[in-house]
Amino acid sequence: MVVLQQKKRSTDDNSASSPVLPAPLTTDGVIQAGTTNQACIDIIKQSEGVRLNAYRGPAGHWLIGYGHKADVTQGMKINVQQAETLLKTDLIKIEEQMGKLVKVPVSNNQFSALVCLGYNIGMGNLYKSTLLRTLNKGDYAGASDQFSVWRKAGGKINSHLVARRAKEQRLFNQ
């Protein structure tokens, strides 16, 4: 299980991102379970948008809601509440997987940035990534630099992905 370290936030933090609620702490100040923060959820929602009718994603898979992929078929329709539920369910699965993959202490922001990336590129790709290998060696700066590697769709640099990776990297570095 990944051990998350609570980072102290600066009192003069004027970031435009949504407020981040602190994760539950144990008596020694270490977060025991990875919980995605609101900043990550906001990045996903802003980047994915919500679609209530099934649609084909860039890789050709059927998606729905905020980019949910499992068991989606052509013609499928959902409502906003179902989209929220699918997102929460997907995030819980990714959080559990991330807890097994990350072998070094990370802050809640770092954990959430990794979840956000994993949600977009898929956990199989994250598992095989230089980013994860670098992080697990304790090279946080090197891991941060690896976010920008994941900026292509269909073999071409995608401006949407460049912007998303920059947001994830900023969250990771907070």
N, C-alpha and C. Protein backbone atom coordinates (compact mmCIF):
# COMPACT_ATOMS: atom_id res chain seq x y z
N MET A 1 0.84 -1.19 0.00
CA MET A 1 0.00 0.00 0.00
C MET A 1 0.88 1.23 0.00
N VAL A 2 0.48 2.23 -0.77
CA VAL A 2 1.22 3.49 -0.83
C VAL A 2 1.02 4.28 0.45
N VAL A 3 2.07 4.91 0.91
CA VAL A 3 1.98 5.76 2.08
C VAL A 3 2.02 7.20 1.61
N LEU A 4 1.00 7.93 1.93
CA LEU A 4 0.90 9.32 1.51
C LEU A 4 1.35 10.23 2.63
N GLN A 5 2.12 11.23 2.28
CA GLN A 5 2.55 12.21 3.26
C GLN A 5 1.73 13.48 3.08
N GLN A 6 1.22 14.01 4.18
CA GLN A 6 0.45 15.25 4.14
C GLN A 6 1.41 16.41 3.95
N LYS A 7 1.23 17.20 2.89
CA LYS A 7 2.04 18.38 2.68
C LYS A 7 1.37 19.57 3.34
N LYS A 8 2.18 20.42 3.96
CA LYS A 8 1.64 21.64 4.53
C LYS A 8 1.43 22.63 3.40
N ARG A 9 0.28 23.27 3.39
CA ARG A 9 -0.03 24.26 2.37
C ARG A 9 0.37 25.63 2.87
N SER A 10 0.91 26.40 1.98
CA SER A 10 1.31 27.76 2.31
C SER A 10 0.08 28.60 2.63
N THR A 11 0.18 29.48 3.61
CA THR A 11 -0.95 30.32 3.96
C THR A 11 -1.18 31.39 2.92
N ASP A 12 -0.18 31.66 2.08
CA ASP A 12 -0.36 32.66 1.04
C ASP A 12 -0.54 32.01 -0.33
N ASP A 13 -1.04 30.79 -0.35
CA ASP A 13 -1.29 30.08 -1.59
C ASP A 13 -2.47 30.74 -2.31
N ASN A 14 -2.19 31.34 -3.44
CA ASN A 14 -3.23 32.03 -4.21
C ASN A 14 -3.57 31.28 -5.47
N SER A 15 -3.40 29.98 -5.47
CA SER A 15 -3.67 29.21 -6.67
C SER A 15 -5.14 29.30 -7.03
N ALA A 16 -5.38 29.22 -8.33
CA ALA A 16 -6.75 29.33 -8.84
C ALA A 16 -7.48 28.00 -8.80
N SER A 17 -6.80 26.93 -8.39
CA SER A 17 -7.45 25.63 -8.37
C SER A 17 -8.45 25.55 -7.22
N SER A 18 -9.32 24.57 -7.33
CA SER A 18 -10.32 24.36 -6.29
C SER A 18 -9.64 24.02 -4.98
N PRO A 19 -10.27 24.34 -3.86
CA PRO A 19 -9.65 23.99 -2.58
C PRO A 19 -9.52 22.48 -2.46
N VAL A 20 -8.44 22.05 -1.88
CA VAL A 20 -8.18 20.64 -1.70
C VAL A 20 -8.47 20.29 -0.25
N LEU A 21 -9.40 19.39 -0.07
CA LEU A 21 -9.74 18.96 1.28
C LEU A 21 -8.68 18.01 1.77
N PRO A 22 -8.25 18.14 3.01
CA PRO A 22 -7.22 17.23 3.51
C PRO A 22 -7.75 15.81 3.59
N ALA A 23 -6.87 14.88 3.28
CA ALA A 23 -7.24 13.47 3.38
C ALA A 23 -7.22 13.05 4.84
N PRO A 24 -7.91 11.99 5.20
CA PRO A 24 -7.92 11.54 6.59
C PRO A 24 -6.52 11.17 7.06
N LEU A 25 -6.15 11.62 8.24
CA LEU A 25 -4.83 11.37 8.79
C LEU A 25 -4.90 10.40 9.95
N THR A 26 -3.82 9.69 10.16
CA THR A 26 -3.69 8.87 11.36
C THR A 26 -3.05 9.74 12.42
N THR A 27 -2.83 9.19 13.59
CA THR A 27 -2.25 9.97 14.68
C THR A 27 -0.83 10.42 14.40
N ASP A 28 -0.12 9.74 13.49
CA ASP A 28 1.25 10.15 13.18
C ASP A 28 1.32 11.10 11.99
N GLY A 29 0.17 11.53 11.45
CA GLY A 29 0.14 12.51 10.38
C GLY A 29 0.34 11.93 8.99
N VAL A 30 0.31 10.62 8.83
CA VAL A 30 0.51 9.98 7.53
C VAL A 30 -0.84 9.49 7.03
N ILE A 31 -1.13 9.78 5.78
CA ILE A 31 -2.37 9.32 5.17
C ILE A 31 -2.21 7.84 4.84
N GLN A 32 -3.15 7.02 5.28
CA GLN A 32 -3.02 5.58 5.11
C GLN A 32 -3.69 5.05 3.83
N ALA A 33 -4.66 5.74 3.32
CA ALA A 33 -5.34 5.25 2.12
C ALA A 33 -5.35 6.36 1.09
N GLY A 34 -5.03 6.00 -0.15
CA GLY A 34 -5.02 6.98 -1.22
C GLY A 34 -6.43 7.42 -1.56
N THR A 35 -6.65 8.71 -1.48
CA THR A 35 -7.95 9.27 -1.82
C THR A 35 -7.73 10.40 -2.80
N THR A 36 -8.38 10.32 -3.94
CA THR A 36 -8.25 11.34 -4.95
C THR A 36 -8.84 12.65 -4.44
N ASN A 37 -8.11 13.75 -4.64
CA ASN A 37 -8.62 15.04 -4.17
C ASN A 37 -9.47 15.71 -5.25
N GLN A 38 -10.11 16.80 -4.84
CA GLN A 38 -11.02 17.52 -5.73
C GLN A 38 -10.30 18.12 -6.94
N ALA A 39 -9.05 18.51 -6.77
CA ALA A 39 -8.29 19.08 -7.89
C ALA A 39 -8.17 18.06 -9.02
N CYS A 40 -7.94 16.81 -8.69
CA CYS A 40 -7.87 15.74 -9.70
C CYS A 40 -9.22 15.57 -10.39
N ILE A 41 -10.27 15.51 -9.61
CA ILE A 41 -11.62 15.34 -10.17
C ILE A 41 -11.95 16.50 -11.10
N ASP A 42 -11.56 17.70 -10.71
CA ASP A 42 -11.81 18.87 -11.56
C ASP A 42 -11.06 18.77 -12.88
N ILE A 43 -9.80 18.32 -12.84
CA ILE A 43 -9.03 18.15 -14.08
C ILE A 43 -9.71 17.14 -14.99
N ILE A 44 -10.14 16.03 -14.42
CA ILE A 44 -10.81 15.00 -15.23
C ILE A 44 -12.08 15.55 -15.84
N LYS A 45 -12.91 16.19 -15.03
CA LYS A 45 -14.18 16.71 -15.54
C LYS A 45 -13.98 17.78 -16.60
N GLN A 46 -13.04 18.68 -16.38
CA GLN A 46 -12.76 19.73 -17.37
C GLN A 46 -12.20 19.14 -18.66
N SER A 47 -11.34 18.16 -18.51
CA SER A 47 -10.69 17.58 -19.69
C SER A 47 -11.60 16.65 -20.48
N GLU A 48 -12.35 15.84 -19.77
CA GLU A 48 -13.20 14.85 -20.43
C GLU A 48 -14.53 15.44 -20.87
N GLY A 49 -15.07 16.37 -20.07
CA GLY A 49 -16.43 16.82 -20.31
C GLY A 49 -17.38 15.67 -20.01
N VAL A 50 -18.64 15.95 -19.92
CA VAL A 50 -19.61 14.88 -19.66
C VAL A 50 -20.45 14.68 -20.91
N ARG A 51 -20.58 13.44 -21.29
CA ARG A 51 -21.42 13.07 -22.43
C ARG A 51 -22.36 11.98 -21.96
N LEU A 52 -23.63 12.21 -22.16
CA LEU A 52 -24.65 11.29 -21.65
C LEU A 52 -25.05 10.24 -22.67
N ASN A 53 -24.56 10.37 -23.89
CA ASN A 53 -24.77 9.36 -24.94
C ASN A 53 -23.42 8.75 -25.29
N ALA A 54 -23.39 7.45 -25.52
CA ALA A 54 -22.13 6.77 -25.85
C ALA A 54 -21.50 7.43 -27.08
N TYR A 55 -20.18 7.52 -27.04
CA TYR A 55 -19.43 8.13 -28.14
C TYR A 55 -18.11 7.40 -28.31
N ARG A 56 -17.53 7.52 -29.48
CA ARG A 56 -16.23 6.89 -29.74
C ARG A 56 -15.12 7.84 -29.31
N GLY A 57 -14.21 7.30 -28.50
CA GLY A 57 -13.05 8.08 -28.08
C GLY A 57 -11.98 8.06 -29.15
N PRO A 58 -10.89 8.80 -28.93
CA PRO A 58 -9.81 8.89 -29.92
C PRO A 58 -9.21 7.53 -30.30
N ALA A 59 -9.22 6.58 -29.37
CA ALA A 59 -8.66 5.25 -29.65
C ALA A 59 -9.70 4.31 -30.27
N GLY A 60 -10.93 4.81 -30.49
CA GLY A 60 -11.96 4.00 -31.12
C GLY A 60 -12.87 3.24 -30.16
N HIS A 61 -12.59 3.34 -28.85
CA HIS A 61 -13.44 2.66 -27.85
C HIS A 61 -14.71 3.45 -27.62
N TRP A 62 -15.78 2.75 -27.25
CA TRP A 62 -17.01 3.41 -26.85
C TRP A 62 -16.84 3.93 -25.42
N LEU A 63 -17.20 5.18 -25.21
CA LEU A 63 -17.09 5.84 -23.91
C LEU A 63 -18.42 6.50 -23.57
N ILE A 64 -18.58 6.83 -22.30
CA ILE A 64 -19.78 7.55 -21.85
C ILE A 64 -19.45 8.29 -20.57
N GLY A 65 -20.26 9.27 -20.22
CA GLY A 65 -20.03 10.03 -18.99
C GLY A 65 -18.77 10.86 -19.10
N TYR A 66 -17.88 10.73 -18.10
CA TYR A 66 -16.61 11.45 -18.08
C TYR A 66 -15.48 10.57 -18.62
N GLY A 67 -15.74 9.85 -19.68
CA GLY A 67 -14.72 9.00 -20.28
C GLY A 67 -14.72 7.58 -19.78
N HIS A 68 -15.82 7.13 -19.19
CA HIS A 68 -15.94 5.74 -18.70
C HIS A 68 -15.95 4.80 -19.90
N LYS A 69 -15.20 3.68 -19.78
CA LYS A 69 -15.05 2.76 -20.91
C LYS A 69 -15.68 1.39 -20.71
N ALA A 70 -15.66 0.85 -19.53
CA ALA A 70 -16.09 -0.54 -19.30
C ALA A 70 -17.57 -0.74 -19.62
N ASP A 71 -17.84 -1.77 -20.41
CA ASP A 71 -19.20 -2.20 -20.73
C ASP A 71 -20.04 -1.14 -21.45
N VAL A 72 -19.42 -0.22 -22.16
CA VAL A 72 -20.16 0.80 -22.91
C VAL A 72 -20.40 0.28 -24.32
N THR A 73 -21.63 0.44 -24.78
CA THR A 73 -21.99 -0.01 -26.12
C THR A 73 -22.63 1.13 -26.90
N GLN A 74 -22.59 1.00 -28.20
CA GLN A 74 -23.20 1.99 -29.07
C GLN A 74 -24.67 2.16 -28.71
N GLY A 75 -25.15 3.40 -28.66
CA GLY A 75 -26.54 3.69 -28.36
C GLY A 75 -26.86 3.81 -26.87
N MET A 76 -25.90 3.52 -26.02
CA MET A 76 -26.10 3.59 -24.57
C MET A 76 -26.33 5.04 -24.15
N LYS A 77 -27.25 5.23 -23.17
CA LYS A 77 -27.55 6.56 -22.64
C LYS A 77 -27.58 6.49 -21.11
N ILE A 78 -27.11 7.57 -20.48
CA ILE A 78 -27.14 7.67 -19.02
C ILE A 78 -27.57 9.07 -18.63
N ASN A 79 -27.78 9.28 -17.32
CA ASN A 79 -28.07 10.63 -16.84
C ASN A 79 -26.85 11.16 -16.08
N VAL A 80 -26.92 12.40 -15.63
CA VAL A 80 -25.78 13.03 -14.96
C VAL A 80 -25.39 12.27 -13.69
N GLN A 81 -26.37 11.85 -12.90
CA GLN A 81 -26.07 11.11 -11.67
C GLN A 81 -25.34 9.81 -11.98
N GLN A 82 -25.74 9.12 -13.03
CA GLN A 82 -25.06 7.90 -13.41
C GLN A 82 -23.62 8.19 -13.86
N ALA A 83 -23.41 9.31 -14.55
CA ALA A 83 -22.06 9.70 -14.97
C ALA A 83 -21.18 9.94 -13.75
N GLU A 84 -21.73 10.60 -12.72
CA GLU A 84 -20.98 10.84 -11.47
C GLU A 84 -20.63 9.51 -10.79
N THR A 85 -21.59 8.60 -10.75
CA THR A 85 -21.37 7.30 -10.12
C THR A 85 -20.30 6.51 -10.86
N LEU A 86 -20.35 6.52 -12.19
CA LEU A 86 -19.34 5.82 -12.97
C LEU A 86 -17.95 6.40 -12.72
N LEU A 87 -17.86 7.72 -12.65
CA LEU A 87 -16.57 8.36 -12.38
C LEU A 87 -16.03 7.94 -11.02
N LYS A 88 -16.88 8.00 -9.99
CA LYS A 88 -16.45 7.61 -8.64
C LYS A 88 -16.00 6.16 -8.61
N THR A 89 -16.74 5.29 -9.26
CA THR A 89 -16.39 3.87 -9.31
C THR A 89 -15.05 3.66 -10.02
N ASP A 90 -14.86 4.34 -11.13
CA ASP A 90 -13.59 4.23 -11.86
C ASP A 90 -12.43 4.74 -11.01
N LEU A 91 -12.63 5.85 -10.31
CA LEU A 91 -11.56 6.42 -9.49
C LEU A 91 -11.19 5.49 -8.33
N ILE A 92 -12.17 4.86 -7.73
CA ILE A 92 -11.88 3.92 -6.64
C ILE A 92 -11.00 2.77 -7.14
N LYS A 93 -11.30 2.25 -8.31
CA LYS A 93 -10.51 1.15 -8.89
C LYS A 93 -9.08 1.61 -9.15
N ILE A 94 -8.93 2.81 -9.69
CA ILE A 94 -7.60 3.33 -10.00
C ILE A 94 -6.83 3.61 -8.71
N GLU A 95 -7.51 4.16 -7.70
CA GLU A 95 -6.86 4.40 -6.41
C GLU A 95 -6.31 3.10 -5.82
N GLU A 96 -7.10 2.03 -5.91
CA GLU A 96 -6.65 0.74 -5.39
C GLU A 96 -5.43 0.23 -6.15
N GLN A 97 -5.47 0.35 -7.47
CA GLN A 97 -4.34 -0.08 -8.28
C GLN A 97 -3.11 0.78 -8.00
N MET A 98 -3.31 2.08 -7.88
CA MET A 98 -2.19 3.00 -7.63
C MET A 98 -1.53 2.66 -6.30
N GLY A 99 -2.33 2.29 -5.31
CA GLY A 99 -1.79 1.92 -4.02
C GLY A 99 -0.84 0.74 -4.09
N LYS A 100 -1.01 -0.10 -5.09
CA LYS A 100 -0.13 -1.26 -5.28
C LYS A 100 1.09 -0.91 -6.13
N LEU A 101 0.95 0.06 -7.01
CA LEU A 101 2.03 0.39 -7.94
C LEU A 101 3.08 1.33 -7.37
N VAL A 102 2.66 2.29 -6.57
CA VAL A 102 3.57 3.30 -6.04
C VAL A 102 4.25 2.75 -4.79
N LYS A 103 5.57 2.73 -4.82
CA LYS A 103 6.35 2.10 -3.74
C LYS A 103 7.05 3.11 -2.84
N VAL A 104 6.89 4.40 -3.11
CA VAL A 104 7.54 5.45 -2.31
C VAL A 104 6.47 6.35 -1.71
N PRO A 105 6.81 7.06 -0.64
CA PRO A 105 5.83 8.00 -0.06
C PRO A 105 5.51 9.12 -1.04
N VAL A 106 4.23 9.45 -1.16
CA VAL A 106 3.79 10.56 -2.01
C VAL A 106 2.77 11.40 -1.25
N SER A 107 2.67 12.66 -1.62
CA SER A 107 1.65 13.54 -1.04
C SER A 107 0.30 13.22 -1.67
N ASN A 108 -0.74 13.75 -1.09
CA ASN A 108 -2.08 13.57 -1.66
C ASN A 108 -2.16 14.19 -3.05
N ASN A 109 -1.50 15.33 -3.26
CA ASN A 109 -1.49 15.95 -4.60
C ASN A 109 -0.75 15.07 -5.60
N GLN A 110 0.37 14.49 -5.20
CA GLN A 110 1.11 13.61 -6.10
C GLN A 110 0.28 12.37 -6.43
N PHE A 111 -0.33 11.78 -5.42
CA PHE A 111 -1.18 10.61 -5.63
C PHE A 111 -2.32 10.96 -6.59
N SER A 112 -2.96 12.09 -6.36
CA SER A 112 -4.10 12.50 -7.18
C SER A 112 -3.69 12.77 -8.62
N ALA A 113 -2.53 13.38 -8.82
CA ALA A 113 -2.03 13.63 -10.18
C ALA A 113 -1.78 12.31 -10.91
N LEU A 114 -1.25 11.33 -10.19
CA LEU A 114 -1.01 10.02 -10.78
C LEU A 114 -2.33 9.33 -11.13
N VAL A 115 -3.32 9.45 -10.27
CA VAL A 115 -4.64 8.89 -10.55
C VAL A 115 -5.23 9.54 -11.80
N CYS A 116 -5.10 10.85 -11.89
CA CYS A 116 -5.62 11.59 -13.04
C CYS A 116 -4.95 11.10 -14.33
N LEU A 117 -3.64 10.95 -14.29
CA LEU A 117 -2.91 10.44 -15.46
C LEU A 117 -3.35 9.02 -15.78
N GLY A 118 -3.41 8.16 -14.77
CA GLY A 118 -3.82 6.78 -14.98
C GLY A 118 -5.22 6.66 -15.55
N TYR A 119 -6.11 7.56 -15.12
CA TYR A 119 -7.47 7.57 -15.64
C TYR A 119 -7.46 7.83 -17.15
N ASN A 120 -6.58 8.68 -17.59
CA ASN A 120 -6.54 9.07 -18.99
C ASN A 120 -5.76 8.09 -19.87
N ILE A 121 -4.61 7.64 -19.42
CA ILE A 121 -3.77 6.81 -20.29
C ILE A 121 -3.98 5.32 -20.06
N GLY A 122 -4.67 4.98 -18.98
CA GLY A 122 -4.89 3.58 -18.65
C GLY A 122 -3.81 3.09 -17.71
N MET A 123 -4.20 2.26 -16.76
CA MET A 123 -3.28 1.80 -15.74
C MET A 123 -2.21 0.87 -16.31
N GLY A 124 -2.52 0.15 -17.36
CA GLY A 124 -1.52 -0.70 -18.00
C GLY A 124 -0.37 0.13 -18.56
N ASN A 125 -0.71 1.24 -19.19
CA ASN A 125 0.32 2.12 -19.72
C ASN A 125 1.12 2.77 -18.59
N LEU A 126 0.43 3.17 -17.52
CA LEU A 126 1.14 3.77 -16.39
C LEU A 126 2.07 2.74 -15.75
N TYR A 127 1.61 1.51 -15.63
CA TYR A 127 2.42 0.44 -15.03
C TYR A 127 3.75 0.26 -15.77
N LYS A 128 3.72 0.38 -17.10
CA LYS A 128 4.92 0.17 -17.92
C LYS A 128 5.73 1.45 -18.12
N SER A 129 5.29 2.55 -17.53
CA SER A 129 5.88 3.86 -17.83
C SER A 129 7.21 4.14 -17.14
N THR A 130 8.00 4.94 -17.80
CA THR A 130 9.23 5.48 -17.21
C THR A 130 8.87 6.35 -16.02
N LEU A 131 7.75 7.04 -16.08
CA LEU A 131 7.31 7.89 -14.97
C LEU A 131 7.21 7.08 -13.68
N LEU A 132 6.54 5.95 -13.73
CA LEU A 132 6.38 5.13 -12.52
C LEU A 132 7.71 4.55 -12.05
N ARG A 133 8.52 4.06 -13.00
CA ARG A 133 9.83 3.52 -12.62
C ARG A 133 10.70 4.60 -11.97
N THR A 134 10.67 5.80 -12.52
CA THR A 134 11.46 6.92 -11.98
C THR A 134 10.96 7.29 -10.60
N LEU A 135 9.65 7.39 -10.44
CA LEU A 135 9.07 7.73 -9.14
C LEU A 135 9.46 6.68 -8.10
N ASN A 136 9.33 5.42 -8.44
CA ASN A 136 9.61 4.35 -7.48
C ASN A 136 11.09 4.24 -7.12
N LYS A 137 11.94 4.93 -7.85
CA LYS A 137 13.36 5.04 -7.49
C LYS A 137 13.57 6.24 -6.56
N GLY A 138 12.48 6.98 -6.28
CA GLY A 138 12.58 8.14 -5.40
C GLY A 138 12.94 9.43 -6.10
N ASP A 139 12.93 9.42 -7.43
CA ASP A 139 13.26 10.62 -8.21
C ASP A 139 11.96 11.36 -8.55
N TYR A 140 11.51 12.19 -7.63
CA TYR A 140 10.24 12.91 -7.78
C TYR A 140 10.32 13.93 -8.91
N ALA A 141 11.44 14.64 -9.02
CA ALA A 141 11.59 15.64 -10.09
C ALA A 141 11.60 14.96 -11.46
N GLY A 142 12.30 13.84 -11.55
CA GLY A 142 12.32 13.10 -12.81
C GLY A 142 10.95 12.57 -13.17
N ALA A 143 10.20 12.10 -12.17
CA ALA A 143 8.83 11.63 -12.42
C ALA A 143 7.97 12.78 -12.91
N SER A 144 8.11 13.94 -12.29
CA SER A 144 7.34 15.12 -12.70
C SER A 144 7.60 15.45 -14.17
N ASP A 145 8.86 15.38 -14.56
CA ASP A 145 9.22 15.68 -15.95
C ASP A 145 8.57 14.72 -16.94
N GLN A 146 8.24 13.52 -16.49
CA GLN A 146 7.68 12.49 -17.38
C GLN A 146 6.21 12.73 -17.75
N PHE A 147 5.51 13.59 -17.02
CA PHE A 147 4.11 13.84 -17.37
C PHE A 147 3.99 14.31 -18.81
N SER A 148 4.90 15.18 -19.25
CA SER A 148 4.80 15.76 -20.59
C SER A 148 5.04 14.75 -21.71
N VAL A 149 5.57 13.59 -21.38
CA VAL A 149 5.78 12.55 -22.39
C VAL A 149 4.44 12.07 -22.95
N TRP A 150 3.40 12.09 -22.11
CA TRP A 150 2.09 11.53 -22.46
C TRP A 150 1.20 12.60 -23.10
N ARG A 151 1.64 13.12 -24.24
CA ARG A 151 0.95 14.23 -24.89
C ARG A 151 0.48 13.92 -26.31
N LYS A 152 0.58 12.67 -26.69
CA LYS A 152 0.23 12.30 -28.06
C LYS A 152 -1.05 11.49 -28.12
N ALA A 153 -1.78 11.70 -29.19
CA ALA A 153 -2.96 10.89 -29.51
C ALA A 153 -2.82 10.51 -30.98
N GLY A 154 -2.92 9.24 -31.27
CA GLY A 154 -2.75 8.79 -32.64
C GLY A 154 -1.37 9.10 -33.19
N GLY A 155 -0.36 9.13 -32.32
CA GLY A 155 1.01 9.37 -32.75
C GLY A 155 1.36 10.84 -32.97
N LYS A 156 0.39 11.73 -32.74
CA LYS A 156 0.62 13.16 -32.96
C LYS A 156 0.43 13.93 -31.66
N ILE A 157 1.24 14.97 -31.47
CA ILE A 157 1.10 15.81 -30.29
C ILE A 157 -0.27 16.46 -30.33
N ASN A 158 -0.99 16.36 -29.22
CA ASN A 158 -2.35 16.87 -29.10
C ASN A 158 -2.36 18.02 -28.10
N SER A 159 -2.78 19.20 -28.52
CA SER A 159 -2.74 20.38 -27.66
C SER A 159 -3.60 20.20 -26.40
N HIS A 160 -4.68 19.48 -26.52
CA HIS A 160 -5.53 19.20 -25.36
C HIS A 160 -4.75 18.39 -24.32
N LEU A 161 -4.02 17.39 -24.78
CA LEU A 161 -3.24 16.55 -23.87
C LEU A 161 -2.05 17.31 -23.29
N VAL A 162 -1.47 18.20 -24.06
CA VAL A 162 -0.38 19.04 -23.54
C VAL A 162 -0.88 19.87 -22.37
N ALA A 163 -2.06 20.46 -22.51
CA ALA A 163 -2.64 21.28 -21.44
C ALA A 163 -3.01 20.42 -20.24
N ARG A 164 -3.58 19.25 -20.48
CA ARG A 164 -3.97 18.36 -19.38
C ARG A 164 -2.74 17.90 -18.60
N ARG A 165 -1.69 17.49 -19.31
CA ARG A 165 -0.48 17.05 -18.63
C ARG A 165 0.15 18.18 -17.81
N ALA A 166 0.07 19.41 -18.30
CA ALA A 166 0.61 20.55 -17.55
C ALA A 166 -0.16 20.72 -16.24
N LYS A 167 -1.48 20.55 -16.27
CA LYS A 167 -2.30 20.65 -15.05
C LYS A 167 -1.93 19.53 -14.07
N GLU A 168 -1.79 18.32 -14.59
CA GLU A 168 -1.44 17.18 -13.74
C GLU A 168 -0.05 17.37 -13.13
N GLN A 169 0.88 17.86 -13.93
CA GLN A 169 2.23 18.09 -13.44
C GLN A 169 2.24 19.17 -12.35
N ARG A 170 1.47 20.25 -12.55
CA ARG A 170 1.39 21.29 -11.52
C ARG A 170 0.83 20.72 -10.22
N LEU A 171 -0.21 19.89 -10.33
CA LEU A 171 -0.78 19.26 -9.15
C LEU A 171 0.26 18.35 -8.48
N PHE A 172 0.98 17.59 -9.24
CA PHE A 172 2.01 16.70 -8.70
C PHE A 172 3.07 17.50 -7.93
N ASN A 173 3.40 18.67 -8.44
CA ASN A 173 4.48 19.48 -7.84
C ASN A 173 4.02 20.37 -6.69
N GLN A 174 2.74 20.43 -6.41
CA GLN A 174 2.24 21.27 -5.30
C GLN A 174 2.55 20.65 -3.96
